[in-house]
Protein backbone atom coordinates (compact mmCIF):
# COMPACT_ATOMS: atom_id res chain seq x y z
CA MET A 1 10.35 71.91 239.02
CA GLN A 2 13.59 71.09 240.68
CA LYS A 3 13.58 69.39 244.17
CA GLU A 4 16.45 70.10 246.73
CA THR A 5 17.74 67.59 249.17
CA MET A 6 20.01 68.41 252.19
CA GLN A 7 21.65 65.98 254.29
CA VAL A 8 23.84 66.74 257.44
CA LYS A 9 26.47 64.69 258.68
CA ALA A 10 29.34 64.88 261.48
CA TYR A 11 32.81 63.34 261.23
CA GLY A 12 35.26 63.87 263.85
CA GLY A 13 33.86 67.14 265.32
CA LEU A 14 33.20 68.39 261.81
CA LEU A 15 29.88 69.35 260.36
CA PHE A 16 29.56 68.55 256.55
CA ILE A 17 26.55 69.60 254.60
CA LEU A 18 25.54 67.68 251.44
CA CYS A 19 23.20 69.14 248.98
CA VAL A 20 21.80 66.86 246.06
CA TRP A 21 19.80 68.59 243.46
CA MET A 22 17.45 65.93 241.61
CA GLN A 23 15.31 66.18 238.51
CA PRO A 24 12.20 63.91 239.12
CA GLY A 25 11.84 62.84 235.47
CA ASN A 26 15.38 61.32 235.45
CA LEU A 27 14.93 58.89 238.40
CA VAL A 28 14.77 55.20 237.19
CA ARG A 29 14.71 52.13 239.12
CA ALA A 30 17.72 50.13 238.41
CA GLN A 31 15.96 46.80 238.73
CA ASP A 32 13.15 47.48 236.09
CA CYS A 33 13.24 45.14 232.84
CA GLN A 34 13.86 47.09 229.62
CA LEU A 35 12.12 46.32 226.49
CA ALA A 36 15.30 47.31 224.49
CA SER A 37 17.26 44.74 226.44
CA PHE A 38 14.67 41.96 225.57
CA LYS A 39 15.00 43.09 221.86
CA ALA A 40 18.52 42.91 221.85
CA SER A 41 18.70 39.51 223.60
CA ARG A 42 18.60 35.91 222.06
CA GLN A 43 15.04 35.51 223.58
CA TYR A 44 13.97 37.81 220.69
CA ASP A 45 12.15 36.58 217.66
CA SER A 46 11.41 38.84 214.80
CA ASN A 47 8.22 37.40 214.29
CA LEU A 48 6.91 38.69 217.70
CA ASP A 49 4.83 41.95 217.66
CA THR A 50 6.32 44.33 220.24
CA THR A 51 4.55 47.39 218.97
CA GLY A 52 2.06 47.45 222.00
CA LEU A 53 4.60 46.86 224.86
CA LYS A 54 5.96 49.50 227.21
CA GLU A 55 9.66 50.52 227.16
CA SER A 56 10.18 49.00 230.93
CA TYR A 57 8.32 46.83 233.44
CA PRO A 58 8.93 46.43 236.97
CA PRO A 59 10.16 43.23 238.86
CA GLY A 60 7.34 40.58 239.02
CA SER A 61 5.68 41.70 235.73
CA GLN A 62 4.33 39.19 233.30
CA VAL A 63 3.94 40.14 229.76
CA ARG A 64 2.28 38.35 227.05
CA VAL A 65 3.93 39.03 223.63
CA PRO A 66 1.66 38.42 220.58
CA CYS A 67 2.90 36.96 217.26
CA SER A 68 2.95 39.06 214.20
CA VAL A 69 0.29 38.85 211.67
CA GLY A 70 0.47 35.30 209.84
CA PHE A 71 2.38 33.77 212.79
CA VAL A 72 0.87 31.82 215.64
CA GLY A 73 2.30 30.79 219.09
CA PHE A 74 2.44 31.47 222.91
CA PHE A 75 5.13 33.63 224.37
CA LYS A 76 5.44 35.06 227.85
CA LEU A 77 8.13 37.49 229.44
CA LEU A 78 8.76 37.33 233.09
CA CYS A 79 10.52 40.21 234.59
CA LEU A 80 12.58 38.73 237.51
CA LEU A 81 14.35 40.79 240.39
CA ASN A 82 17.93 41.59 239.76
CA THR A 83 18.10 38.95 236.89
CA GLY A 84 16.04 40.66 234.22
CA TRP A 85 13.91 39.08 231.53
CA ASP A 86 12.97 35.25 231.53
CA HIS A 87 10.35 33.69 229.24
CA GLU A 88 8.03 30.87 228.94
CA GLY A 89 6.03 29.34 225.80
CA LEU A 90 7.03 28.90 222.22
CA LYS A 91 8.37 31.19 219.66
CA CYS A 92 5.95 32.27 216.80
CA GLU A 93 5.61 29.78 213.86
CA PRO A 94 4.09 30.67 210.41
CA LYS A 95 0.42 30.03 210.31
CA SER A 96 -0.29 26.84 208.28
CA CYS A 97 -2.96 27.09 205.18
CA GLY A 98 -3.00 23.50 204.91
CA HIS A 99 -3.03 21.66 201.46
CA PRO A 100 -3.86 24.01 198.55
CA GLY A 101 -6.15 21.83 196.93
CA ASP A 102 -5.78 19.51 193.85
CA ALA A 103 -7.25 21.04 190.47
CA ASP A 104 -8.53 18.86 187.83
CA PHE A 105 -5.91 18.24 185.13
CA ALA A 106 -3.43 20.04 186.91
CA GLU A 107 -0.15 19.72 189.01
CA PHE A 108 1.14 22.50 191.51
CA GLN A 109 4.67 23.17 193.08
CA LEU A 110 5.91 25.50 195.85
CA VAL A 111 7.40 28.44 194.17
CA LYS A 112 7.88 30.60 197.55
CA GLY A 113 8.51 29.08 200.89
CA ASP A 114 9.25 25.41 202.05
CA ASP A 115 5.72 24.42 203.35
CA PHE A 116 2.04 25.35 202.95
CA VAL A 117 2.56 28.25 205.50
CA PHE A 118 1.93 31.83 205.70
CA GLY A 119 3.70 33.70 202.90
CA SER A 120 4.25 30.70 200.84
CA GLU A 121 3.14 30.48 197.03
CA VAL A 122 2.19 27.55 194.84
CA GLU A 123 1.87 27.70 191.04
CA TYR A 124 -0.47 25.43 189.24
CA THR A 125 0.44 24.07 185.70
CA CYS A 126 -2.00 22.16 183.40
CA LYS A 127 -1.20 18.75 182.40
CA PRO A 128 -0.22 18.05 178.82
CA GLY A 129 -3.16 18.37 176.33
CA PHE A 130 -4.83 20.90 178.74
CA GLN A 131 -4.69 24.61 178.93
CA MET A 132 -5.35 27.37 181.80
CA VAL A 133 -8.61 29.23 181.54
CA SER A 134 -8.42 30.84 184.87
CA ARG A 135 -7.14 34.49 185.31
CA SER A 136 -4.36 33.19 187.47
CA ASN A 137 -2.52 30.07 188.20
CA ILE A 138 -0.93 31.43 191.64
CA ARG A 139 -2.20 30.87 195.07
CA HIS A 140 -0.90 32.67 198.16
CA CYS A 141 -1.18 31.53 201.81
CA ASP A 142 -2.44 34.56 203.60
CA VAL A 143 -3.68 35.35 207.19
CA SER A 144 -7.16 33.91 206.27
CA GLY A 145 -5.79 30.89 204.40
CA TRP A 146 -5.17 30.33 200.61
CA ASP A 147 -6.40 33.12 198.60
CA GLY A 148 -8.27 33.04 195.25
CA PHE A 149 -9.82 29.98 193.65
CA LEU A 150 -8.51 26.65 192.33
CA PRO A 151 -7.49 27.14 188.97
CA VAL A 152 -9.44 25.50 185.82
CA CYS A 153 -7.71 23.48 183.23
CA GLU A 154 -9.81 22.65 179.99
CA ALA A 155 -8.77 20.28 177.29
CA LYS A 156 -7.20 21.88 174.28
CA HIS A 157 -9.25 21.50 171.08
CA CYS A 158 -7.78 20.84 167.57
CA PRO A 159 -9.06 22.93 164.76
CA GLU A 160 -12.18 21.72 162.95
CA ILE A 161 -11.34 19.37 160.08
CA HIS A 162 -13.22 19.71 156.68
CA VAL A 163 -12.69 17.23 153.82
CA ASP A 164 -13.97 16.83 150.22
CA ASP A 165 -17.24 14.98 149.63
CA ASP A 166 -15.38 11.85 148.22
CA MET A 167 -13.74 11.35 151.52
CA GLN A 168 -15.03 9.47 154.59
CA VAL A 169 -13.93 10.49 158.15
CA THR A 170 -14.18 8.29 161.26
CA GLY A 171 -13.77 10.11 164.59
CA GLU A 172 -14.61 13.50 166.12
CA HIS A 173 -13.28 15.88 163.62
CA LEU A 174 -15.33 19.05 164.76
CA GLU A 175 -14.65 18.82 168.67
CA ALA A 176 -11.70 16.92 168.92
CA THR A 177 -9.45 17.11 172.07
CA SER A 178 -5.89 15.72 172.67
CA GLY A 179 -5.50 12.08 171.97
CA HIS A 180 -8.54 11.93 169.59
CA VAL A 181 -7.71 9.98 166.30
CA LEU A 182 -9.31 10.34 162.80
CA LEU A 183 -9.24 7.79 160.16
CA PHE A 184 -9.92 8.47 156.47
CA ARG A 185 -11.06 6.36 153.53
CA CYS A 186 -12.21 7.02 150.18
CA LYS A 187 -15.86 6.47 149.35
CA GLN A 188 -15.15 5.05 145.86
CA ASN A 189 -13.15 1.95 144.99
CA HIS A 190 -11.05 3.59 142.09
CA LEU A 191 -9.95 6.21 144.58
CA GLU A 192 -7.24 6.04 147.24
CA VAL A 193 -6.10 8.23 150.17
CA ASP A 194 -3.31 10.70 149.15
CA GLY A 195 -1.68 11.30 152.50
CA PRO A 196 -1.92 9.97 156.12
CA LYS A 197 -4.90 7.45 156.68
CA ARG A 198 -4.67 8.34 160.30
CA ILE A 199 -4.06 11.66 162.29
CA TYR A 200 -3.94 12.50 165.89
CA CYS A 201 -4.92 15.55 167.91
CA GLU A 202 -1.82 16.30 169.81
CA GLU A 203 -1.18 17.80 173.18
CA THR A 204 -0.34 21.19 171.44
CA GLY A 205 -3.76 21.53 170.16
CA GLN A 206 -2.77 20.86 166.66
CA TRP A 207 -3.40 17.93 164.40
CA SER A 208 -0.30 15.65 163.82
CA HIS A 209 -0.87 15.99 159.89
CA LYS A 210 -2.79 17.81 157.51
CA PRO A 211 -6.01 16.03 156.36
CA PRO A 212 -5.45 13.95 153.19
CA LYS A 213 -7.30 13.90 149.84
CA CYS A 214 -8.71 11.11 147.54
CA LYS A 215 -6.86 10.61 144.13
CA VAL A 216 -7.46 8.17 141.37
CA LYS A 217 -5.68 4.80 142.62
CA SER A 218 -2.09 4.18 141.15
CA CYS A 219 -0.45 0.81 140.58
CA GLY A 220 2.79 2.37 140.97
CA ARG A 221 5.64 2.37 138.56
CA PRO A 222 5.71 -1.19 136.85
CA VAL A 223 8.67 -3.29 137.75
CA ASP A 224 11.69 -2.36 135.77
CA VAL A 225 12.69 -5.07 133.23
CA PRO A 226 16.43 -5.46 132.14
CA LEU A 227 16.94 -4.37 128.39
CA ALA A 228 13.49 -3.03 128.21
CA THR A 229 11.39 0.16 128.43
CA PHE A 230 7.83 0.55 129.07
CA PRO A 231 6.23 3.95 127.85
CA LEU A 232 2.63 4.47 128.69
CA THR A 233 0.35 3.78 125.75
CA GLU A 234 -2.81 4.80 127.57
CA GLY A 235 -3.52 6.96 130.57
CA ASP A 236 -0.82 8.73 132.95
CA ASP A 237 0.85 8.61 136.17
CA PHE A 238 0.18 4.89 136.17
CA VAL A 239 -3.23 5.24 137.62
CA ILE A 240 -6.20 2.86 137.08
CA GLY A 241 -6.90 2.42 133.39
CA SER A 242 -3.26 3.12 132.42
CA GLU A 243 -1.46 0.76 130.20
CA VAL A 244 2.04 0.02 129.49
CA GLN A 245 3.93 -1.85 126.65
CA TYR A 246 7.25 -3.33 127.20
CA THR A 247 9.65 -3.00 124.43
CA CYS A 248 13.05 -4.91 124.48
CA GLN A 249 16.19 -3.37 123.24
CA ALA A 250 17.47 -4.04 119.66
CA GLY A 251 18.12 -7.65 119.36
CA TYR A 252 16.07 -8.77 122.36
CA GLN A 253 12.38 -9.73 122.52
CA VAL A 254 9.75 -10.67 125.22
CA VAL A 255 10.48 -14.19 125.92
CA THR A 256 8.19 -14.75 128.96
CA GLY A 257 5.47 -12.83 130.75
CA SER A 258 3.03 -10.18 129.45
CA ARG A 259 4.16 -7.53 126.87
CA ARG A 260 1.25 -5.39 127.71
CA ARG A 261 -0.02 -4.66 131.20
CA ARG A 262 -2.87 -2.63 132.43
CA CYS A 263 -3.54 -1.04 135.89
CA THR A 264 -6.57 -2.38 137.63
CA LEU A 265 -8.33 -2.26 140.93
CA ASN A 266 -6.02 -5.16 141.96
CA GLY A 267 -2.70 -3.79 140.49
CA TRP A 268 -0.92 -4.58 137.30
CA ASP A 269 -2.58 -7.33 135.49
CA GLY A 270 -0.64 -10.06 133.78
CA THR A 271 3.07 -11.08 134.81
CA VAL A 272 6.46 -9.38 134.54
CA PRO A 273 8.02 -9.93 131.29
CA LYS A 274 11.65 -10.92 130.35
CA CYS A 275 13.65 -10.00 127.44
CA GLY A 276 15.78 -12.57 125.84
CA ALA A 277 18.08 -12.44 123.06
CA CYS A 278 16.24 -12.76 119.68
CA SER A 279 17.23 -16.07 117.72
CA THR A 280 13.64 -16.89 116.68
CA PRO A 281 13.57 -18.48 113.01
CA LEU A 282 11.75 -15.74 110.88
CA GLY A 283 10.21 -18.26 108.58
CA VAL A 284 12.24 -19.26 105.57
CA GLU A 285 12.42 -22.89 106.67
CA ASN A 286 8.84 -23.49 107.69
CA GLY A 287 7.34 -21.33 104.92
CA LEU A 288 5.86 -18.48 106.70
CA ILE A 289 7.98 -16.65 104.33
CA LEU A 290 6.33 -17.12 101.07
CA ASP A 291 8.08 -18.39 97.85
CA ASN A 292 7.42 -14.82 96.28
CA GLN A 293 9.63 -13.28 98.98
CA LEU A 294 12.69 -15.34 97.97
CA THR A 295 14.51 -14.09 94.90
CA ALA A 296 17.90 -14.48 93.28
CA SER A 297 20.29 -12.92 90.93
CA SER A 298 20.00 -16.21 88.86
CA ALA A 299 19.00 -19.89 89.03
CA TYR A 300 19.89 -23.01 87.19
CA GLY A 301 16.98 -25.06 86.08
CA GLY A 302 14.49 -25.78 88.96
CA TYR A 303 16.66 -24.61 91.53
CA GLY A 304 15.46 -21.15 92.11
CA ALA A 305 15.51 -19.07 95.26
CA SER A 306 12.12 -20.61 96.61
CA LYS A 307 14.14 -23.88 97.09
CA ALA A 308 16.65 -22.18 99.43
CA ARG A 309 14.90 -23.29 102.48
CA LEU A 310 16.97 -24.81 105.40
CA THR A 311 16.56 -28.65 105.76
CA SER A 312 14.56 -28.88 102.68
CA GLY A 313 15.17 -31.45 99.95
CA SER A 314 16.23 -28.72 97.38
CA TYR A 315 18.51 -25.74 97.24
CA TRP A 316 19.30 -22.58 95.57
CA TYR A 317 21.76 -23.17 92.57
CA PRO A 318 22.73 -20.25 90.45
CA GLU A 319 23.80 -20.39 86.83
CA SER A 320 27.22 -19.07 87.57
CA THR A 321 29.30 -17.86 90.54
CA ASP A 322 29.94 -14.37 89.67
CA GLY A 323 28.14 -11.66 91.50
CA GLN A 324 25.38 -13.99 92.71
CA TRP A 325 22.94 -12.92 95.63
CA LEU A 326 20.15 -14.54 97.42
CA GLN A 327 17.37 -12.19 98.66
CA VAL A 328 14.81 -12.30 101.30
CA ASP A 329 11.72 -9.79 101.51
CA LEU A 330 10.39 -9.69 105.09
CA LYS A 331 7.55 -7.35 103.95
CA SER A 332 8.19 -5.05 106.82
CA ARG A 333 11.09 -3.97 108.95
CA LYS A 334 12.23 -6.54 111.55
CA THR A 335 15.30 -6.95 113.83
CA ILE A 336 17.68 -9.61 112.32
CA THR A 337 20.26 -10.92 114.55
CA GLY A 338 21.82 -13.87 112.79
CA ILE A 339 21.75 -16.25 109.88
CA ILE A 340 22.05 -20.30 109.41
CA THR A 341 23.29 -21.57 106.20
CA GLN A 342 23.57 -25.03 104.74
CA GLY A 343 25.03 -26.66 101.52
CA ALA A 344 23.72 -29.37 99.34
CA LYS A 345 24.28 -32.92 97.82
CA TRP A 346 23.01 -34.90 94.76
CA GLY A 347 23.58 -37.90 92.52
CA TRP A 348 25.64 -41.16 92.68
CA PRO A 349 28.40 -41.08 93.73
CA THR A 350 27.25 -38.22 95.98
CA ASN A 351 28.17 -34.87 94.77
CA VAL A 352 28.36 -31.74 97.16
CA ALA A 353 28.50 -28.08 97.05
CA TYR A 354 28.41 -25.32 99.55
CA VAL A 355 29.36 -21.74 100.14
CA THR A 356 32.36 -21.24 102.63
CA LEU A 357 32.37 -17.44 102.96
CA PHE A 358 29.82 -14.76 102.30
CA LYS A 359 28.85 -11.38 103.09
CA VAL A 360 25.32 -10.07 104.25
CA SER A 361 23.79 -6.73 103.12
CA TYR A 362 20.50 -5.10 104.19
CA SER A 363 17.99 -2.34 102.78
CA ASP A 364 14.77 -0.64 103.66
CA ASN A 365 13.82 -0.05 100.00
CA GLY A 366 15.42 -2.86 98.02
CA MET A 367 17.62 -0.32 96.11
CA SER A 368 20.14 1.21 98.66
CA TRP A 369 22.00 -1.53 100.34
CA ASN A 370 24.30 -1.53 103.26
CA VAL A 371 26.74 -4.28 104.01
CA ILE A 372 27.31 -5.60 107.51
CA LYS A 373 30.64 -4.18 108.92
CA ASP A 374 33.13 -5.89 111.29
CA ALA A 375 34.55 -3.98 114.37
CA ASN A 376 37.09 -2.48 112.28
CA GLY A 377 34.45 -0.92 109.84
CA SER A 378 35.34 -3.15 106.95
CA GLU A 379 32.67 -5.44 105.15
CA LYS A 380 32.41 -8.59 107.47
CA ILE A 381 33.06 -11.92 105.94
CA PHE A 382 31.06 -14.63 107.56
CA THR A 383 32.30 -18.27 107.86
CA GLY A 384 29.99 -20.63 105.98
CA ASN A 385 29.78 -24.32 105.69
CA THR A 386 32.39 -27.05 105.88
CA GLY A 387 30.35 -29.63 104.21
CA CYS A 388 27.16 -30.14 102.41
CA CYS A 389 24.76 -30.69 105.23
CA ASP A 390 25.98 -29.18 108.31
CA HIS A 391 24.41 -25.90 109.91
CA ALA A 392 26.55 -23.17 110.08
CA LYS A 393 25.13 -20.39 112.62
CA ASN A 394 26.50 -16.92 112.42
CA PRO A 395 24.90 -14.35 115.04
CA PHE A 396 25.55 -10.75 114.11
CA ASP A 397 27.86 -8.64 116.23
CA SER A 398 25.04 -5.96 116.32
CA PRO A 399 21.35 -6.76 115.32
CA ILE A 400 19.98 -5.02 112.22
CA THR A 401 16.69 -3.70 111.49
CA SER A 402 15.53 -3.90 107.86
CA ARG A 403 13.03 -5.24 105.31
CA PHE A 404 15.40 -6.87 102.65
CA VAL A 405 18.38 -9.05 103.53
CA ARG A 406 20.72 -10.39 100.96
CA VAL A 407 23.19 -12.89 101.20
CA LEU A 408 26.51 -12.61 99.09
CA PRO A 409 28.67 -15.53 98.46
CA THR A 410 32.28 -14.93 98.21
CA ALA A 411 33.81 -18.22 98.23
CA TRP A 412 32.39 -21.87 97.90
CA HIS A 413 33.23 -25.59 97.41
CA ARG A 414 32.64 -26.78 93.77
CA HIS A 415 29.72 -24.42 93.12
CA ILE A 416 27.45 -21.98 94.97
CA ALA A 417 24.63 -24.09 96.48
CA LEU A 418 22.79 -22.62 99.62
CA ARG A 419 19.90 -23.24 101.92
CA ILE A 420 19.18 -20.51 104.60
CA GLU A 421 17.33 -19.34 107.65
CA LEU A 422 17.09 -15.91 109.11
CA LEU A 423 17.04 -15.35 112.92
CA GLY A 424 15.71 -12.35 114.78
CA CYS A 425 12.75 -10.87 116.66
CA GLU A 426 9.17 -11.70 115.93
CA ASP A 427 6.88 -8.64 116.17
């Protein structure tokens, strides 16, 4: 319904009639404070809850403005005449949930927000060696405080360890957790641990190594000896009970140490051998080679082959000088590395005879013979004696291995007269 207002005024004898038509719903007092002007001002805080406020308030009004859910504070608006809104109190701040709580064997950090206030989130992480068993590791700061419950971390368990009957285990091998240590040893003295003797349950819940097994103790590979080999003569893989025999290269023999060594609980018995060049007299001089092992192509009187022993009072003296030889039967194949020769003297005034040059041949059967060769492949001529009684020692360039040895004189002083010793390796 419209309302008509009429005013009558006179100006200078003239009469004016002013009619004003007004709509009652459109009349607003200019001095009222508007909600919209507050929300557009710097006083407004988005954390205030204005949903329950009116659109305008008359001067003198005091309006309590609540905080939004999750925020706390005291804020009051004052509608002043002609100047509009003023305020008292503090703006709304997020509600604090306090410390979220420490979980055993876990650490936490803020993943949302800057403090333990409404809207913040914390995430819990289990310490190394532990695992989360709770359904959630996140807590939220809500209106009523921290939601949910403190998460639970349990120690990680390593898998059960099972070993053979000959193995002894020290430590918790069925319910081991991070940091547990297992020690292993074999129950029998002739066995040793094959693998690590100590393993750890790691933070990952896995063992640091696979469990070991027991094996027969090994003495390890024997010490290498220059110029020698040591094949196994008993057993295998150098374990307890195994035996090795050192064999020196041709022309060498064990001069010190143990030729045979056995693997025992305490390691290799005996001592490390050493190979030295063979230069051992084989027995012509001292009689170990018997008279019947010495033969010759011929002999003059009582000066037969059995007299051809080095430093003896006699000597071999053949009937003639043509195609003569002195032979030694060693009875088995031996390694020969050299020869020593000596001449002879007799009568008054002194008579002397000696071999100045000779060859050496060898055979395994006494029928087929090989002559020692020089570097050029020719039959080697050895230098003999320069007098009756000196010892002329001739090492062979390469050792020979044979049963029979012959000395073949090719040059001499006055006549062939010879005493010898063979040098080589003893069995």
